[in-house]
């Protein structure tokens, strides 16, 4: 995962971290590896860029319902997503 810290334009000049990465091989076999990689990347972003607005993108090699990208969401958003998926 590559991360570039920057400042957003405008009043207050909020700090932002833009991260891009490539997660493990696509397909069902790589789900566990992708989840692990995403969790570790999220931990690094949280520790290194605490207080920053974070933007994450890249080739996640995943489908939306696997939960891999959820590792990058705040707990409140994760809970909301789970309610939407279950209904």
Protein backbone atom coordinates (compact mmCIF):
# COMPACT_ATOMS: atom_id res chain seq x y z
CA UNK A 1 0.00 0.00 0.00
CA UNK A 2 1.38 3.39 -0.99
CA UNK A 3 0.26 6.44 0.99
CA UNK A 4 0.66 10.11 0.16
CA UNK A 5 -0.14 12.65 2.90
CA UNK A 6 -1.50 15.98 1.70
CA UNK A 7 -3.66 18.93 2.76
CA UNK A 8 -7.15 19.48 1.42
CA UNK A 9 -7.86 22.93 -0.02
CA UNK A 10 -10.06 25.41 1.77
CA UNK A 11 -10.45 26.89 5.23
CA UNK A 12 -8.73 24.92 7.97
CA UNK A 13 -6.67 22.95 5.44
CA UNK A 14 -7.61 19.49 6.71
CA UNK A 15 -4.95 16.82 6.51
CA UNK A 16 -5.62 13.88 4.21
CA UNK A 17 -3.91 10.63 3.39
CA UNK A 18 -4.47 9.09 -0.02
CA UNK A 19 -3.69 5.36 -0.13
CA UNK A 20 -3.64 2.98 -3.06
CA UNK A 21 -2.82 -0.67 -3.10
CA UNK A 22 -3.11 -4.07 -4.68
CA UNK A 23 -4.56 -6.90 -2.59
CA UNK A 24 -4.03 -10.65 -3.05
CA UNK A 25 -5.24 -12.70 -5.97
CA UNK A 26 -8.85 -12.48 -7.04
CA UNK A 27 -11.27 -15.32 -6.45
CA UNK A 28 -12.64 -17.16 -3.49
CA UNK A 29 -9.27 -18.67 -2.56
CA UNK A 30 -7.77 -15.25 -1.83
CA UNK A 31 -10.54 -13.89 0.40
CA UNK A 32 -8.76 -14.71 3.66
CA UNK A 33 -5.50 -13.19 2.43
CA UNK A 34 -7.25 -10.02 1.18
CA UNK A 35 -9.09 -9.58 4.47
CA UNK A 36 -5.83 -9.94 6.38
CA UNK A 37 -4.01 -7.50 4.09
CA UNK A 38 -6.85 -4.98 4.33
CA UNK A 39 -6.95 -5.25 8.14
CA UNK A 40 -3.20 -4.65 8.38
CA UNK A 41 -3.33 -1.71 5.97
CA UNK A 42 -6.20 -0.21 7.98
CA UNK A 43 -4.20 -0.57 11.21
CA UNK A 44 -1.21 1.19 9.64
CA UNK A 45 -3.37 4.02 8.28
CA UNK A 46 -5.09 4.46 11.67
CA UNK A 47 -1.81 4.55 13.60
CA UNK A 48 0.29 6.58 11.18
CA UNK A 49 -2.40 8.99 9.98
CA UNK A 50 -4.62 9.38 13.06
CA UNK A 51 -6.87 12.42 12.66
CA UNK A 52 -6.42 12.53 8.88
CA UNK A 53 -9.23 12.11 6.37
CA UNK A 54 -8.29 8.91 4.54
CA UNK A 55 -9.04 7.97 0.93
CA UNK A 56 -8.36 4.37 -0.06
CA UNK A 57 -8.48 2.94 -3.55
CA UNK A 58 -6.74 0.52 -5.80
CA UNK A 59 -7.13 -2.99 -7.10
CA UNK A 60 -8.84 -4.78 -4.22
CA UNK A 61 -9.54 -7.92 -6.30
CA UNK A 62 -12.79 -8.40 -4.46
CA UNK A 63 -16.57 -8.33 -4.63
CA UNK A 64 -18.56 -5.84 -2.54
CA UNK A 65 -20.24 -8.39 -0.25
CA UNK A 66 -17.07 -10.17 0.94
CA UNK A 67 -16.42 -7.55 3.62
CA UNK A 68 -12.78 -6.94 2.66
CA UNK A 69 -13.26 -3.22 2.02
CA UNK A 70 -15.14 -2.94 5.33
CA UNK A 71 -11.75 -3.07 7.07
CA UNK A 72 -11.26 0.52 5.90
CA UNK A 73 -14.59 1.83 7.22
CA UNK A 74 -15.14 3.36 10.62
CA UNK A 75 -17.07 1.14 13.01
CA UNK A 76 -20.23 3.26 12.72
CA UNK A 77 -20.28 2.94 8.93
CA UNK A 78 -19.52 -0.79 9.13
CA UNK A 79 -22.55 -1.35 11.39
CA UNK A 80 -24.79 0.61 9.01
CA UNK A 81 -23.58 -1.39 6.03
CA UNK A 82 -24.33 -4.65 7.84
CA UNK A 83 -27.90 -3.50 8.50
CA UNK A 84 -28.32 -2.66 4.80
CA UNK A 85 -26.93 -6.02 3.64
CA UNK A 86 -29.12 -8.00 6.06
CA UNK A 87 -32.40 -6.36 4.96
